[in-house]
């Protein structure tokens, strides 16, 4: 595992994979990111992030079965590894701590 510091978009992609569970493949990830953030998620950018997350050991991928609807092509499905879950929890902890430092804006008061 190279590193576990997450950039904002890496964190969003990792969270999306965790939320989609067994349906986490690149197009579904893009669609869900756009739905949740209201921002366009380019497939090429998401692929680059998926590759980077896999290199860091935060996700793993496997090929699904070939389907006739995809012309015999197989989808690559992604899942969050234990290291990925740990990185997400650490990122959440850092954000929660920062929110709690803002007077009148702690998560407890929202």
PDB file of N, CA and C in Angstrom:
ATOM      1  N   UNK A   1       0.843  -1.168   0.000  1.00  0.00           N
ATOM      2  CA  UNK A   1       0.000   0.000   0.000  1.00  0.00           C
ATOM      3  C   UNK A   1       0.890   1.234   0.000  1.00  0.00           C
ATOM      4  N   UNK A   2       0.714   2.103  -1.005  1.00  0.00           N
ATOM      5  CA  UNK A   2       1.578   3.259  -1.144  1.00  0.00           C
ATOM      6  C   UNK A   2       1.266   4.363  -0.143  1.00  0.00           C
ATOM      7  N   UNK A   3       0.006   4.759  -0.036  1.00  0.00           N
ATOM      8  CA  UNK A   3      -0.371   5.833   0.872  1.00  0.00           C
ATOM      9  C   UNK A   3      -1.866   5.841   1.064  1.00  0.00           C
ATOM     10  N   UNK A   4      -2.297   6.354   2.183  1.00  0.00           N
ATOM     11  CA  UNK A   4      -3.728   6.326   2.448  1.00  0.00           C
ATOM     12  C   UNK A   4      -4.339   7.710   2.588  1.00  0.00           C
ATOM     13  N   UNK A   5      -3.566   8.767   2.344  1.00  0.00           N
ATOM     14  CA  UNK A   5      -4.163  10.093   2.361  1.00  0.00           C
ATOM     15  C   UNK A   5      -5.083  10.216   1.162  1.00  0.00           C
ATOM     16  N   UNK A   6      -6.295  10.701   1.421  1.00  0.00           N
ATOM     17  CA  UNK A   6      -7.296  10.801   0.365  1.00  0.00           C
ATOM     18  C   UNK A   6      -7.517  12.241  -0.050  1.00  0.00           C
ATOM     19  N   UNK A   7      -7.556  12.469  -1.352  1.00  0.00           N
ATOM     20  CA  UNK A   7      -8.017  13.745  -1.863  1.00  0.00           C
ATOM     21  C   UNK A   7      -9.539  13.750  -1.811  1.00  0.00           C
ATOM     22  N   UNK A   8     -10.137  14.922  -2.002  1.00  0.00           N
ATOM     23  CA  UNK A   8     -11.599  15.024  -1.912  1.00  0.00           C
ATOM     24  C   UNK A   8     -12.304  14.099  -2.898  1.00  0.00           C
ATOM     25  N   UNK A   9     -11.889  14.096  -4.152  1.00  0.00           N
ATOM     26  CA  UNK A   9     -12.573  13.278  -5.148  1.00  0.00           C
ATOM     27  C   UNK A   9     -12.310  11.797  -4.902  1.00  0.00           C
ATOM     28  N   UNK A  10     -11.103  11.458  -4.457  1.00  0.00           N
ATOM     29  CA  UNK A  10     -10.821  10.070  -4.100  1.00  0.00           C
ATOM     30  C   UNK A  10     -11.762   9.607  -2.991  1.00  0.00           C
ATOM     31  N   UNK A  11     -11.960  10.462  -2.000  1.00  0.00           N
ATOM     32  CA  UNK A  11     -12.854  10.125  -0.897  1.00  0.00           C
ATOM     33  C   UNK A  11     -14.283   9.911  -1.403  1.00  0.00           C
ATOM     34  N   UNK A  12     -14.745  10.789  -2.287  1.00  0.00           N
ATOM     35  CA  UNK A  12     -16.092  10.649  -2.838  1.00  0.00           C
ATOM     36  C   UNK A  12     -16.242   9.354  -3.634  1.00  0.00           C
ATOM     37  N   UNK A  13     -15.236   9.019  -4.426  1.00  0.00           N
ATOM     38  CA  UNK A  13     -15.288   7.781  -5.207  1.00  0.00           C
ATOM     39  C   UNK A  13     -15.297   6.576  -4.271  1.00  0.00           C
ATOM     40  N   UNK A  14     -14.452   6.597  -3.257  1.00  0.00           N
ATOM     41  CA  UNK A  14     -14.381   5.494  -2.304  1.00  0.00           C
ATOM     42  C   UNK A  14     -15.705   5.338  -1.545  1.00  0.00           C
ATOM     43  N   UNK A  15     -16.291   6.434  -1.129  1.00  0.00           N
ATOM     44  CA  UNK A  15     -17.591   6.388  -0.458  1.00  0.00           C
ATOM     45  C   UNK A  15     -18.670   5.838  -1.390  1.00  0.00           C
ATOM     46  N   UNK A  16     -18.609   6.217  -2.643  1.00  0.00           N
ATOM     47  CA  UNK A  16     -19.598   5.748  -3.619  1.00  0.00           C
ATOM     48  C   UNK A  16     -19.475   4.247  -3.842  1.00  0.00           C
ATOM     49  N   UNK A  17     -18.246   3.761  -3.927  1.00  0.00           N
ATOM     50  CA  UNK A  17     -18.032   2.317  -4.069  1.00  0.00           C
ATOM     51  C   UNK A  17     -18.624   1.588  -2.865  1.00  0.00           C
ATOM     52  N   UNK A  18     -18.373   2.105  -1.677  1.00  0.00           N
ATOM     53  CA  UNK A  18     -18.897   1.485  -0.462  1.00  0.00           C
ATOM     54  C   UNK A  18     -20.429   1.486  -0.478  1.00  0.00           C
ATOM     55  N   UNK A  19     -21.026   2.570  -0.946  1.00  0.00           N
ATOM     56  CA  UNK A  19     -22.486   2.679  -0.962  1.00  0.00           C
ATOM     57  C   UNK A  19     -23.115   1.767  -2.011  1.00  0.00           C
ATOM     58  N   UNK A  20     -22.465   1.639  -3.167  1.00  0.00           N
ATOM     59  CA  UNK A  20     -23.024   0.826  -4.254  1.00  0.00           C
ATOM     60  C   UNK A  20     -22.814  -0.671  -4.027  1.00  0.00           C
ATOM     61  N   UNK A  21     -21.884  -1.012  -3.185  1.00  0.00           N
ATOM     62  CA  UNK A  21     -21.558  -2.401  -2.851  1.00  0.00           C
ATOM     63  C   UNK A  21     -21.326  -3.244  -4.111  1.00  0.00           C
ATOM     64  N   UNK A  22     -22.123  -4.259  -4.352  1.00  0.00           N
ATOM     65  CA  UNK A  22     -21.859  -5.200  -5.452  1.00  0.00           C
ATOM     66  C   UNK A  22     -22.145  -4.614  -6.831  1.00  0.00           C
ATOM     67  N   UNK A  23     -22.708  -3.421  -6.899  1.00  0.00           N
ATOM     68  CA  UNK A  23     -23.000  -2.775  -8.184  1.00  0.00           C
ATOM     69  C   UNK A  23     -22.024  -1.649  -8.508  1.00  0.00           C
ATOM     70  N   UNK A  24     -20.845  -1.663  -7.888  1.00  0.00           N
ATOM     71  CA  UNK A  24     -19.878  -0.585  -8.065  1.00  0.00           C
ATOM     72  C   UNK A  24     -18.969  -0.851  -9.271  1.00  0.00           C
ATOM     73  N   UNK A  25     -19.407  -0.392 -10.427  1.00  0.00           N
ATOM     74  CA  UNK A  25     -18.570  -0.403 -11.629  1.00  0.00           C
ATOM     75  C   UNK A  25     -18.520   1.027 -12.147  1.00  0.00           C
ATOM     76  N   UNK A  26     -17.614   1.332 -13.038  1.00  0.00           N
ATOM     77  CA  UNK A  26     -17.283   2.724 -13.364  1.00  0.00           C
ATOM     78  C   UNK A  26     -18.471   3.585 -13.776  1.00  0.00           C
ATOM     79  N   UNK A  27     -19.342   3.099 -14.647  1.00  0.00           N
ATOM     80  CA  UNK A  27     -20.475   3.914 -15.091  1.00  0.00           C
ATOM     81  C   UNK A  27     -21.444   4.164 -13.943  1.00  0.00           C
ATOM     82  N   UNK A  28     -21.716   3.145 -13.140  1.00  0.00           N
ATOM     83  CA  UNK A  28     -22.607   3.314 -11.986  1.00  0.00           C
ATOM     84  C   UNK A  28     -22.002   4.289 -10.976  1.00  0.00           C
ATOM     85  N   UNK A  29     -20.690   4.236 -10.808  1.00  0.00           N
ATOM     86  CA  UNK A  29     -20.004   5.157  -9.897  1.00  0.00           C
ATOM     87  C   UNK A  29     -20.167   6.588 -10.397  1.00  0.00           C
ATOM     88  N   UNK A  30     -19.949   6.813 -11.694  1.00  0.00           N
ATOM     89  CA  UNK A  30     -20.124   8.147 -12.279  1.00  0.00           C
ATOM     90  C   UNK A  30     -21.551   8.647 -12.087  1.00  0.00           C
ATOM     91  N   UNK A  31     -22.517   7.790 -12.392  1.00  0.00           N
ATOM     92  CA  UNK A  31     -23.923   8.179 -12.268  1.00  0.00           C
ATOM     93  C   UNK A  31     -24.271   8.560 -10.835  1.00  0.00           C
ATOM     94  N   UNK A  32     -23.819   7.758  -9.880  1.00  0.00           N
ATOM     95  CA  UNK A  32     -24.138   8.035  -8.476  1.00  0.00           C
ATOM     96  C   UNK A  32     -23.431   9.299  -7.989  1.00  0.00           C
ATOM     97  N   UNK A  33     -22.192   9.518  -8.417  1.00  0.00           N
ATOM     98  CA  UNK A  33     -21.480  10.744  -8.046  1.00  0.00           C
ATOM     99  C   UNK A  33     -22.231  11.971  -8.553  1.00  0.00           C
ATOM    100  N   UNK A  34     -22.686  11.920  -9.801  1.00  0.00           N
ATOM    101  CA  UNK A  34     -23.433  13.046 -10.368  1.00  0.00           C
ATOM    102  C   UNK A  34     -24.738  13.264  -9.615  1.00  0.00           C
ATOM    103  N   UNK A  35     -25.412  12.175  -9.278  1.00  0.00           N
ATOM    104  CA  UNK A  35     -26.680  12.258  -8.538  1.00  0.00           C
ATOM    105  C   UNK A  35     -26.472  12.874  -7.156  1.00  0.00           C
ATOM    106  N   UNK A  36     -25.435  12.452  -6.456  1.00  0.00           N
ATOM    107  CA  UNK A  36     -25.213  12.894  -5.083  1.00  0.00           C
ATOM    108  C   UNK A  36     -24.584  14.280  -4.978  1.00  0.00           C
ATOM    109  N   UNK A  37     -23.710  14.625  -5.922  1.00  0.00           N
ATOM    110  CA  UNK A  37     -22.984  15.895  -5.812  1.00  0.00           C
ATOM    111  C   UNK A  37     -23.530  17.002  -6.711  1.00  0.00           C
ATOM    112  N   UNK A  38     -24.276  16.610  -7.746  1.00  0.00           N
ATOM    113  CA  UNK A  38     -24.740  17.601  -8.708  1.00  0.00           C
ATOM    114  C   UNK A  38     -23.634  18.067  -9.642  1.00  0.00           C
ATOM    115  N   UNK A  39     -22.491  17.395  -9.577  1.00  0.00           N
ATOM    116  CA  UNK A  39     -21.348  17.740 -10.431  1.00  0.00           C
ATOM    117  C   UNK A  39     -21.159  16.649 -11.469  1.00  0.00           C
ATOM    118  N   UNK A  40     -20.717  17.041 -12.643  1.00  0.00           N
ATOM    119  CA  UNK A  40     -20.428  16.071 -13.691  1.00  0.00           C
ATOM    120  C   UNK A  40     -19.210  15.239 -13.303  1.00  0.00           C
ATOM    121  N   UNK A  41     -19.315  13.944 -13.482  1.00  0.00           N
ATOM    122  CA  UNK A  41     -18.194  13.039 -13.191  1.00  0.00           C
ATOM    123  C   UNK A  41     -17.769  12.393 -14.499  1.00  0.00           C
ATOM    124  N   UNK A  42     -16.652  12.817 -15.026  1.00  0.00           N
ATOM    125  CA  UNK A  42     -16.154  12.288 -16.295  1.00  0.00           C
ATOM    126  C   UNK A  42     -15.618  10.881 -16.099  1.00  0.00           C
ATOM    127  N   UNK A  43     -15.976   9.994 -16.997  1.00  0.00           N
ATOM    128  CA  UNK A  43     -15.591   8.594 -16.894  1.00  0.00           C
ATOM    129  C   UNK A  43     -14.073   8.422 -16.854  1.00  0.00           C
ATOM    130  N   UNK A  44     -13.349   9.168 -17.671  1.00  0.00           N
ATOM    131  CA  UNK A  44     -11.888   9.067 -17.696  1.00  0.00           C
ATOM    132  C   UNK A  44     -11.255   9.467 -16.376  1.00  0.00           C
ATOM    133  N   UNK A  45     -11.807  10.496 -15.744  1.00  0.00           N
ATOM    134  CA  UNK A  45     -11.287  10.954 -14.450  1.00  0.00           C
ATOM    135  C   UNK A  45     -11.580   9.909 -13.378  1.00  0.00           C
ATOM    136  N   UNK A  46     -12.789   9.344 -13.415  1.00  0.00           N
ATOM    137  CA  UNK A  46     -13.146   8.311 -12.441  1.00  0.00           C
ATOM    138  C   UNK A  46     -12.252   7.086 -12.623  1.00  0.00           C
ATOM    139  N   UNK A  47     -11.972   6.705 -13.880  1.00  0.00           N
ATOM    140  CA  UNK A  47     -11.069   5.575 -14.126  1.00  0.00           C
ATOM    141  C   UNK A  47      -9.683   5.842 -13.554  1.00  0.00           C
ATOM    142  N   UNK A  48      -9.179   7.052 -13.724  1.00  0.00           N
ATOM    143  CA  UNK A  48      -7.859   7.403 -13.188  1.00  0.00           C
ATOM    144  C   UNK A  48      -7.858   7.288 -11.661  1.00  0.00           C
ATOM    145  N   UNK A  49      -8.926   7.758 -11.021  1.00  0.00           N
ATOM    146  CA  UNK A  49      -9.022   7.679  -9.561  1.00  0.00           C
ATOM    147  C   UNK A  49      -9.143   6.225  -9.117  1.00  0.00           C
ATOM    148  N   UNK A  50      -9.938   5.428  -9.827  1.00  0.00           N
ATOM    149  CA  UNK A  50     -10.066   4.007  -9.486  1.00  0.00           C
ATOM    150  C   UNK A  50      -8.710   3.309  -9.562  1.00  0.00           C
ATOM    151  N   UNK A  51      -7.944   3.603 -10.604  1.00  0.00           N
ATOM    152  CA  UNK A  51      -6.606   3.013 -10.729  1.00  0.00           C
ATOM    153  C   UNK A  51      -5.706   3.440  -9.579  1.00  0.00           C
ATOM    154  N   UNK A  52      -5.763   4.717  -9.219  1.00  0.00           N
ATOM    155  CA  UNK A  52      -4.939   5.231  -8.124  1.00  0.00           C
ATOM    156  C   UNK A  52      -5.348   4.589  -6.795  1.00  0.00           C
ATOM    157  N   UNK A  53      -6.655   4.469  -6.552  1.00  0.00           N
ATOM    158  CA  UNK A  53      -7.127   3.838  -5.315  1.00  0.00           C
ATOM    159  C   UNK A  53      -6.711   2.375  -5.252  1.00  0.00           C
ATOM    160  N   UNK A  54      -6.713   1.708  -6.409  1.00  0.00           N
ATOM    161  CA  UNK A  54      -6.287   0.307  -6.433  1.00  0.00           C
ATOM    162  C   UNK A  54      -4.778   0.201  -6.174  1.00  0.00           C
ATOM    163  N   UNK A  55      -4.001   1.111  -6.739  1.00  0.00           N
ATOM    164  CA  UNK A  55      -2.553   1.121  -6.492  1.00  0.00           C
ATOM    165  C   UNK A  55      -2.247   1.365  -5.014  1.00  0.00           C
ATOM    166  N   UNK A  56      -3.061   2.186  -4.356  1.00  0.00           N
ATOM    167  CA  UNK A  56      -2.878   2.469  -2.929  1.00  0.00           C
ATOM    168  C   UNK A  56      -3.365   1.317  -2.049  1.00  0.00           C
ATOM    169  N   UNK A  57      -4.045   0.343  -2.644  1.00  0.00           N
ATOM    170  CA  UNK A  57      -4.564  -0.783  -1.885  1.00  0.00           C
ATOM    171  C   UNK A  57      -5.871  -0.489  -1.167  1.00  0.00           C
ATOM    172  N   UNK A  58      -6.560   0.580  -1.587  1.00  0.00           N
ATOM    173  CA  UNK A  58      -7.798   0.984  -0.928  1.00  0.00           C
ATOM    174  C   UNK A  58      -9.037   0.348  -1.562  1.00  0.00           C
ATOM    175  N   UNK A  59      -8.909  -0.092  -2.801  1.00  0.00           N
ATOM    176  CA  UNK A  59      -9.973  -0.843  -3.472  1.00  0.00           C
ATOM    177  C   UNK A  59      -9.351  -2.021  -4.187  1.00  0.00           C
ATOM    178  N   UNK A  60     -10.183  -2.997  -4.479  1.00  0.00           N
ATOM    179  CA  UNK A  60      -9.768  -4.104  -5.329  1.00  0.00           C
ATOM    180  C   UNK A  60     -10.832  -4.251  -6.401  1.00  0.00           C
ATOM    181  N   UNK A  61     -10.463  -4.870  -7.508  1.00  0.00           N
ATOM    182  CA  UNK A  61     -11.415  -5.015  -8.596  1.00  0.00           C
ATOM    183  C   UNK A  61     -11.415  -6.445  -9.105  1.00  0.00           C
ATOM    184  N   UNK A  62     -12.529  -6.781  -9.742  1.00  0.00           N
ATOM    185  CA  UNK A  62     -12.640  -8.082 -10.395  1.00  0.00           C
ATOM    186  C   UNK A  62     -13.544  -7.916 -11.603  1.00  0.00           C
ATOM    187  N   UNK A  63     -13.333  -8.763 -12.593  1.00  0.00           N
ATOM    188  CA  UNK A  63     -14.163  -8.724 -13.790  1.00  0.00           C
ATOM    189  C   UNK A  63     -15.417  -9.544 -13.574  1.00  0.00           C
ATOM    190  N   UNK A  64     -16.550  -8.975 -14.005  1.00  0.00           N
ATOM    191  CA  UNK A  64     -17.816  -9.695 -13.961  1.00  0.00           C
ATOM    192  C   UNK A  64     -17.950 -10.573 -15.195  1.00  0.00           C
ATOM    193  N   UNK A  65     -19.097 -11.184 -15.324  1.00  0.00           N
ATOM    194  CA  UNK A  65     -19.377 -12.047 -16.466  1.00  0.00           C
ATOM    195  C   UNK A  65     -19.653 -11.216 -17.711  1.00  0.00           C
ATOM    196  N   UNK A  66     -19.335 -11.778 -18.858  1.00  0.00           N
ATOM    197  CA  UNK A  66     -19.647 -11.132 -20.128  1.00  0.00           C
ATOM    198  C   UNK A  66     -21.156 -11.182 -20.345  1.00  0.00           C
ATOM    199  N   UNK A  67     -21.700 -10.095 -20.894  1.00  0.00           N
ATOM    200  CA  UNK A  67     -23.134 -10.060 -21.169  1.00  0.00           C
ATOM    201  C   UNK A  67     -23.378  -9.688 -22.616  1.00  0.00           C
ATOM    202  N   UNK A  68     -24.477 -10.173 -23.169  1.00  0.00           N
ATOM    203  CA  UNK A  68     -24.803  -9.857 -24.563  1.00  0.00           C
ATOM    204  C   UNK A  68     -25.189  -8.392 -24.716  1.00  0.00           C
ATOM    205  N   UNK A  69     -25.744  -7.774 -23.658  1.00  0.00           N
ATOM    206  CA  UNK A  69     -26.128  -6.369 -23.744  1.00  0.00           C
ATOM    207  C   UNK A  69     -24.910  -5.457 -23.869  1.00  0.00           C
ATOM    208  N   UNK A  70     -23.759  -5.943 -23.466  1.00  0.00           N
ATOM    209  CA  UNK A  70     -22.518  -5.167 -23.588  1.00  0.00           C
ATOM    210  C   UNK A  70     -21.650  -5.697 -24.718  1.00  0.00           C
ATOM    211  N   UNK A  71     -22.241  -6.453 -25.625  1.00  0.00           N
ATOM    212  CA  UNK A  71     -21.473  -6.992 -26.750  1.00  0.00           C
ATOM    213  C   UNK A  71     -20.405  -7.972 -26.317  1.00  0.00           C
ATOM    214  N   UNK A  72     -20.653  -8.683 -25.247  1.00  0.00           N
ATOM    215  CA  UNK A  72     -19.689  -9.659 -24.752  1.00  0.00           C
ATOM    216  C   UNK A  72     -18.616  -9.085 -23.843  1.00  0.00           C
ATOM    217  N   UNK A  73     -18.650  -7.775 -23.638  1.00  0.00           N
ATOM    218  CA  UNK A  73     -17.655  -7.148 -22.747  1.00  0.00           C
ATOM    219  C   UNK A  73     -18.018  -7.409 -21.291  1.00  0.00           C
ATOM    220  N   UNK A  74     -16.991  -7.459 -20.464  1.00  0.00           N
ATOM    221  CA  UNK A  74     -17.171  -7.695 -19.038  1.00  0.00           C
ATOM    222  C   UNK A  74     -17.009  -6.389 -18.269  1.00  0.00           C
ATOM    223  N   UNK A  75     -17.819  -6.192 -17.247  1.00  0.00           N
ATOM    224  CA  UNK A  75     -17.688  -5.021 -16.377  1.00  0.00           C
ATOM    225  C   UNK A  75     -16.634  -5.314 -15.317  1.00  0.00           C
ATOM    226  N   UNK A  76     -15.912  -4.268 -14.931  1.00  0.00           N
ATOM    227  CA  UNK A  76     -14.972  -4.381 -13.819  1.00  0.00           C
ATOM    228  C   UNK A  76     -15.655  -3.802 -12.580  1.00  0.00           C
ATOM    229  N   UNK A  77     -15.810  -4.642 -11.569  1.00  0.00           N
ATOM    230  CA  UNK A  77     -16.467  -4.251 -10.331  1.00  0.00           C
ATOM    231  C   UNK A  77     -15.421  -3.942  -9.267  1.00  0.00           C
ATOM    232  N   UNK A  78     -15.726  -2.937  -8.446  1.00  0.00           N
ATOM    233  CA  UNK A  78     -14.802  -2.489  -7.409  1.00  0.00           C
ATOM    234  C   UNK A  78     -15.400  -2.706  -6.030  1.00  0.00           C
ATOM    235  N   UNK A  79     -14.529  -2.980  -5.066  1.00  0.00           N
ATOM    236  CA  UNK A  79     -14.948  -3.087  -3.666  1.00  0.00           C
ATOM    237  C   UNK A  79     -13.881  -2.444  -2.790  1.00  0.00           C
ATOM    238  N   UNK A  80     -14.326  -1.954  -1.646  1.00  0.00           N
ATOM    239  CA  UNK A  80     -13.431  -1.279  -0.702  1.00  0.00           C
ATOM    240  C   UNK A  80     -12.708  -2.339   0.122  1.00  0.00           C
ATOM    241  N   UNK A  81     -11.403  -2.196   0.261  1.00  0.00           N
ATOM    242  CA  UNK A  81     -10.607  -3.112   1.083  1.00  0.00           C
ATOM    243  C   UNK A  81     -10.646  -2.666   2.541  1.00  0.00           C
ATOM    244  N   UNK A  82     -10.074  -3.468   3.414  1.00  0.00           N
ATOM    245  CA  UNK A  82      -9.972  -3.091   4.832  1.00  0.00           C
ATOM    246  C   UNK A  82      -9.184  -1.783   4.972  1.00  0.00           C
ATOM    247  N   UNK A  83      -8.124  -1.633   4.186  1.00  0.00           N
ATOM    248  CA  UNK A  83      -7.338  -0.390   4.229  1.00  0.00           C
ATOM    249  C   UNK A  83      -8.171   0.791   3.748  1.00  0.00           C
ATOM    250  N   UNK A  84      -9.036   0.560   2.760  1.00  0.00           N
ATOM    251  CA  UNK A  84      -9.926   1.611   2.276  1.00  0.00           C
ATOM    252  C   UNK A  84     -10.928   2.033   3.322  1.00  0.00           C
ATOM    253  N   UNK A  85     -11.497   1.056   4.029  1.00  0.00           N
ATOM    254  CA  UNK A  85     -12.429   1.372   5.119  1.00  0.00           C
ATOM    255  C   UNK A  85     -11.731   2.172   6.201  1.00  0.00           C
ATOM    256  N   UNK A  86     -10.516   1.782   6.523  1.00  0.00           N
ATOM    257  CA  UNK A  86      -9.737   2.494   7.534  1.00  0.00           C
ATOM    258  C   UNK A  86      -9.465   3.934   7.094  1.00  0.00           C
ATOM    259  N   UNK A  87      -9.114   4.127   5.827  1.00  0.00           N
ATOM    260  CA  UNK A  87      -8.851   5.475   5.305  1.00  0.00           C
ATOM    261  C   UNK A  87     -10.109   6.331   5.351  1.00  0.00           C
ATOM    262  N   UNK A  88     -11.265   5.726   5.045  1.00  0.00           N
ATOM    263  CA  UNK A  88     -12.520   6.476   5.112  1.00  0.00           C
ATOM    264  C   UNK A  88     -12.850   6.875   6.544  1.00  0.00           C
ATOM    265  N   UNK A  89     -12.658   5.968   7.473  1.00  0.00           N
ATOM    266  CA  UNK A  89     -12.929   6.277   8.877  1.00  0.00           C
ATOM    267  C   UNK A  89     -12.015   7.378   9.394  1.00  0.00           C
ATOM    268  N   UNK A  90     -10.738   7.327   8.965  1.00  0.00           N
ATOM    269  CA  UNK A  90      -9.794   8.373   9.383  1.00  0.00           C
ATOM    270  C   UNK A  90     -10.204   9.728   8.802  1.00  0.00           C
ATOM    271  N   UNK A  91     -10.597   9.748   7.524  1.00  0.00           N
ATOM    272  CA  UNK A  91     -11.031  10.997   6.892  1.00  0.00           C
ATOM    273  C   UNK A  91     -12.266  11.555   7.591  1.00  0.00           C
ATOM    274  N   UNK A  92     -13.199  10.680   7.958  1.00  0.00           N
ATOM    275  CA  UNK A  92     -14.410  11.109   8.668  1.00  0.00           C
ATOM    276  C   UNK A  92     -14.058  11.678  10.041  1.00  0.00           C
ATOM    277  N   UNK A  93     -13.143  11.017  10.732  1.00  0.00           N
ATOM    278  CA  UNK A  93     -12.719  11.482  12.056  1.00  0.00           C
ATOM    279  C   UNK A  93     -12.103  12.874  11.974  1.00  0.00           C
ATOM    280  N   UNK A  94     -11.247  13.087  10.978  1.00  0.00           N
ATOM    281  CA  UNK A  94     -10.610  14.401  10.803  1.00  0.00           C
ATOM    282  C   UNK A  94     -11.668  15.460  10.529  1.00  0.00           C
ATOM    283  N   UNK A  95     -12.609  15.157   9.645  1.00  0.00           N
ATOM    284  CA  UNK A  95     -13.671  16.126   9.333  1.00  0.00           C
ATOM    285  C   UNK A  95     -14.543  16.400  10.553  1.00  0.00           C
ATOM    286  N   UNK A  96     -14.930  15.339  11.276  1.00  0.00           N
ATOM    287  CA  UNK A  96     -15.747  15.518  12.475  1.00  0.00           C
ATOM    288  C   UNK A  96     -15.027  16.376  13.513  1.00  0.00           C
ATOM    289  N   UNK A  97     -13.734  16.126  13.698  1.00  0.00           N
ATOM    290  CA  UNK A  97     -12.959  16.925  14.659  1.00  0.00           C
ATOM    291  C   UNK A  97     -12.928  18.391  14.263  1.00  0.00           C
ATOM    292  N   UNK A  98     -12.755  18.657  12.978  1.00  0.00           N
ATOM    293  CA  UNK A  98     -12.735  20.046  12.510  1.00  0.00           C
ATOM    294  C   UNK A  98     -14.105  20.699  12.685  1.00  0.00           C
ATOM    295  N   UNK A  99     -15.175  19.976  12.356  1.00  0.00           N
ATOM    296  CA  UNK A  99     -16.523  20.513  12.559  1.00  0.00           C
ATOM    297  C   UNK A  99     -16.748  20.836  14.033  1.00  0.00           C
ATOM    298  N   UNK A 100     -16.291  19.971  14.899  1.00  0.00           N
ATOM    299  CA  UNK A 100     -16.490  20.168  16.338  1.00  0.00           C
ATOM    300  C   UNK A 100     -15.693  21.346  16.893  1.00  0.00           C
ATOM    301  N   UNK A 101     -14.673  21.786  16.174  1.00  0.00           N
ATOM    302  CA  UNK A 101     -13.877  22.932  16.608  1.00  0.00           C
ATOM    303  C   UNK A 101     -14.560  24.264  16.293  1.00  0.00           C
ATOM    304  N   UNK A 102     -15.519  24.272  15.398  1.00  0.00           N
ATOM    305  CA  UNK A 102     -16.184  25.516  14.993  1.00  0.00           C
ATOM    306  C   UNK A 102     -17.247  25.853  16.033  1.00  0.00           C
ATOM    307  N   UNK A 103     -17.114  26.991  16.696  1.00  0.00           N
ATOM    308  CA  UNK A 103     -18.096  27.373  17.718  1.00  0.00           C
ATOM    309  C   UNK A 103     -19.519  27.429  17.131  1.00  0.00           C
ATOM    310  N   UNK A 104     -20.431  26.750  17.792  1.00  0.00           N
ATOM    311  CA  UNK A 104     -21.832  26.764  17.374  1.00  0.00           C
ATOM    312  C   UNK A 104     -22.140  25.918  16.162  1.00  0.00           C
ATOM    313  N   UNK A 105     -21.127  25.215  15.618  1.00  0.00           N
ATOM    314  CA  UNK A 105     -21.336  24.433  14.410  1.00  0.00           C
ATOM    315  C   UNK A 105     -20.992  22.965  14.602  1.00  0.00           C
ATOM    316  N   UNK A 106     -20.839  22.520  15.837  1.00  0.00           N
ATOM    317  CA  UNK A 106     -20.465  21.135  16.043  1.00  0.00           C
ATOM    318  C   UNK A 106     -21.581  20.223  15.555  1.00  0.00           C
ATOM    319  N   UNK A 107     -21.242  19.000  15.236  1.00  0.00           N
ATOM    320  CA  UNK A 107     -22.222  18.028  14.773  1.00  0.00           C
ATOM    321  C   UNK A 107     -23.281  17.784  15.842  1.00  0.00           C
ATOM    322  N   UNK A 108     -22.907  17.996  17.084  1.00  0.00           N
ATOM    323  CA  UNK A 108     -23.849  17.802  18.185  1.00  0.00           C
ATOM    324  C   UNK A 108     -24.945  18.859  18.174  1.00  0.00           C
ATOM    325  N   UNK A 109     -24.642  20.036  17.614  1.00  0.00           N
ATOM    326  CA  UNK A 109     -25.597  21.154  17.617  1.00  0.00           C
ATOM    327  C   UNK A 109     -26.391  21.264  16.317  1.00  0.00           C
ATOM    328  N   UNK A 110     -26.082  20.433  15.353  1.00  0.00           N
ATOM    329  CA  UNK A 110     -26.768  20.539  14.049  1.00  0.00           C
ATOM    330  C   UNK A 110     -27.989  19.658  14.044  1.00  0.00           C
TER     331      UNK A 110
END
